[in-house]
C-alpha atoms as a PDB file:
ATOM      1  CA  TYR A   1       1.568   3.893  11.866  1.00  0.00           C
ATOM      2  CA  ALA A   2      -0.674   0.883  11.113  1.00  0.00           C
ATOM      3  CA  THR A   3      -4.382   1.637  11.073  1.00  0.00           C
ATOM      4  CA  SER A   4      -5.772  -1.845  10.387  1.00  0.00           C
ATOM      5  CA  ALA A   5      -4.836  -5.402   9.439  1.00  0.00           C
ATOM      6  CA  ARG A   6      -6.899  -8.295   8.107  1.00  0.00           C
ATOM      7  CA  PHE A   7      -6.364 -11.715   6.595  1.00  0.00           C
ATOM      8  CA  SER A   8      -7.011 -11.802   2.835  1.00  0.00           C
ATOM      9  CA  PRO A   9      -8.461 -15.128   1.627  1.00  0.00           C
ATOM     10  CA  THR A  10      -7.835 -14.000  -1.960  1.00  0.00           C
ATOM     11  CA  LEU A  11      -4.124 -13.447  -1.330  1.00  0.00           C
ATOM     12  CA  ASP A  12      -3.889 -16.117   1.403  1.00  0.00           C
ATOM     13  CA  GLN A  13      -1.900 -13.758   3.626  1.00  0.00           C
ATOM     14  CA  TRP A  14      -2.292 -10.847   6.020  1.00  0.00           C
ATOM     15  CA  ILE A  15      -2.561  -7.319   4.633  1.00  0.00           C
ATOM     16  CA  GLY A  16      -2.507  -4.017   6.472  1.00  0.00           C
ATOM     17  CA  LEU A  17      -3.224  -0.376   5.944  1.00  0.00           C
ATOM     18  CA  GLY A  18      -1.123   2.337   7.471  1.00  0.00           C
ATOM     19  CA  LEU A  19       0.655   5.638   7.190  1.00  0.00           C
ATOM     20  CA  VAL A  20       4.365   5.644   6.375  1.00  0.00           C
ATOM     21  CA  GLU A  21       6.590   8.691   6.097  1.00  0.00           C
ATOM     22  CA  ARG A  22       7.725   9.093   2.440  1.00  0.00           C
ATOM     23  CA  GLY A  23       5.675   5.971   1.629  1.00  0.00           C
ATOM     24  CA  ARG A  24       5.668   6.346  -2.156  1.00  0.00           C
ATOM     25  CA  GLU A  25       9.462   6.521  -2.176  1.00  0.00           C
ATOM     26  CA  ARG A  26       9.678   3.367  -0.074  1.00  0.00           C
ATOM     27  CA  ILE A  27       7.536   0.899  -2.066  1.00  0.00           C
ATOM     28  CA  GLY A  28       9.151  -2.542  -1.907  1.00  0.00           C
ATOM     29  CA  GLU A  29      11.023  -1.803   1.329  1.00  0.00           C
ATOM     30  CA  ILE A  30      10.774  -4.302   4.191  1.00  0.00           C
ATOM     31  CA  VAL A  31      10.120  -2.659   7.568  1.00  0.00           C
ATOM     32  CA  ARG A  32       9.426  -3.958  11.065  1.00  0.00           C
ATOM     33  CA  ALA A  33       5.912  -3.578  12.533  1.00  0.00           C
ATOM     34  CA  HIS A  34       4.877  -4.185  16.138  1.00  0.00           C
ATOM     35  CA  ASP A  35       1.575  -5.806  17.144  1.00  0.00           C
ATOM     36  CA  PRO A  36       0.809  -4.487  20.648  1.00  0.00           C
ATOM     37  CA  LEU A  37      -2.050  -6.973  21.167  1.00  0.00           C
ATOM     38  CA  ARG A  38       0.165 -10.007  20.625  1.00  0.00           C
ATOM     39  CA  GLY A  39       3.434  -8.420  21.722  1.00  0.00           C
ATOM     40  CA  GLU A  40       5.084  -9.565  18.472  1.00  0.00           C
ATOM     41  CA  ASP A  41       7.154  -7.851  15.776  1.00  0.00           C
ATOM     42  CA  TYR A  42       6.742  -8.680  12.084  1.00  0.00           C
ATOM     43  CA  ASP A  43       8.552  -7.915   8.835  1.00  0.00           C
ATOM     44  CA  VAL A  44       6.169  -6.196   6.416  1.00  0.00           C
ATOM     45  CA  GLU A  45       6.622  -5.114   2.802  1.00  0.00           C
ATOM     46  CA  LEU A  46       5.520  -1.625   1.820  1.00  0.00           C
ATOM     47  CA  CYS A  47       3.472  -1.661  -1.377  1.00  0.00           C
ATOM     48  CA  HIS A  48       1.262   0.596  -3.457  1.00  0.00           C
ATOM     49  CA  SER A  49      -2.243   1.027  -2.078  1.00  0.00           C
ATOM     50  CA  VAL A  50      -3.665  -0.553  -5.256  1.00  0.00           C
ATOM     51  CA  PHE A  51      -1.706  -3.807  -5.107  1.00  0.00           C
ATOM     52  CA  TYR A  52      -4.367  -6.249  -6.348  1.00  0.00           C
ATOM     53  CA  ASP A  53      -5.797  -5.954  -9.884  1.00  0.00           C
ATOM     54  CA  PRO A  54      -4.431  -2.433 -10.515  1.00  0.00           C
ATOM     55  CA  ASP A  55      -5.760  -2.381 -14.118  1.00  0.00           C
ATOM     56  CA  GLY A  56      -9.311  -3.277 -12.986  1.00  0.00           C
ATOM     57  CA  GLY A  57      -9.593  -6.402 -15.160  1.00  0.00           C
ATOM     58  CA  ARG A  58     -11.134  -8.513 -12.411  1.00  0.00           C
ATOM     59  CA  GLN A  59     -13.731  -5.832 -11.670  1.00  0.00           C
ATOM     60  CA  ARG A  60     -14.828  -5.693 -15.321  1.00  0.00           C
ATOM     61  CA  GLY A  61     -15.018  -9.517 -15.430  1.00  0.00           C
END
């Protein structure tokens, strides 16, 4: 279940947030997501919720 999606200028691609059954076991898996507003289906990659700068180096500058 996708809860939100936005374009990331930092990553230069779309990212989304959602709930996935057994999500931690499925990191790296490609699944199909449906966009009801556009009537389109998309392949999406499941990833860890901290996928950008996981060690915090960018935050500490």
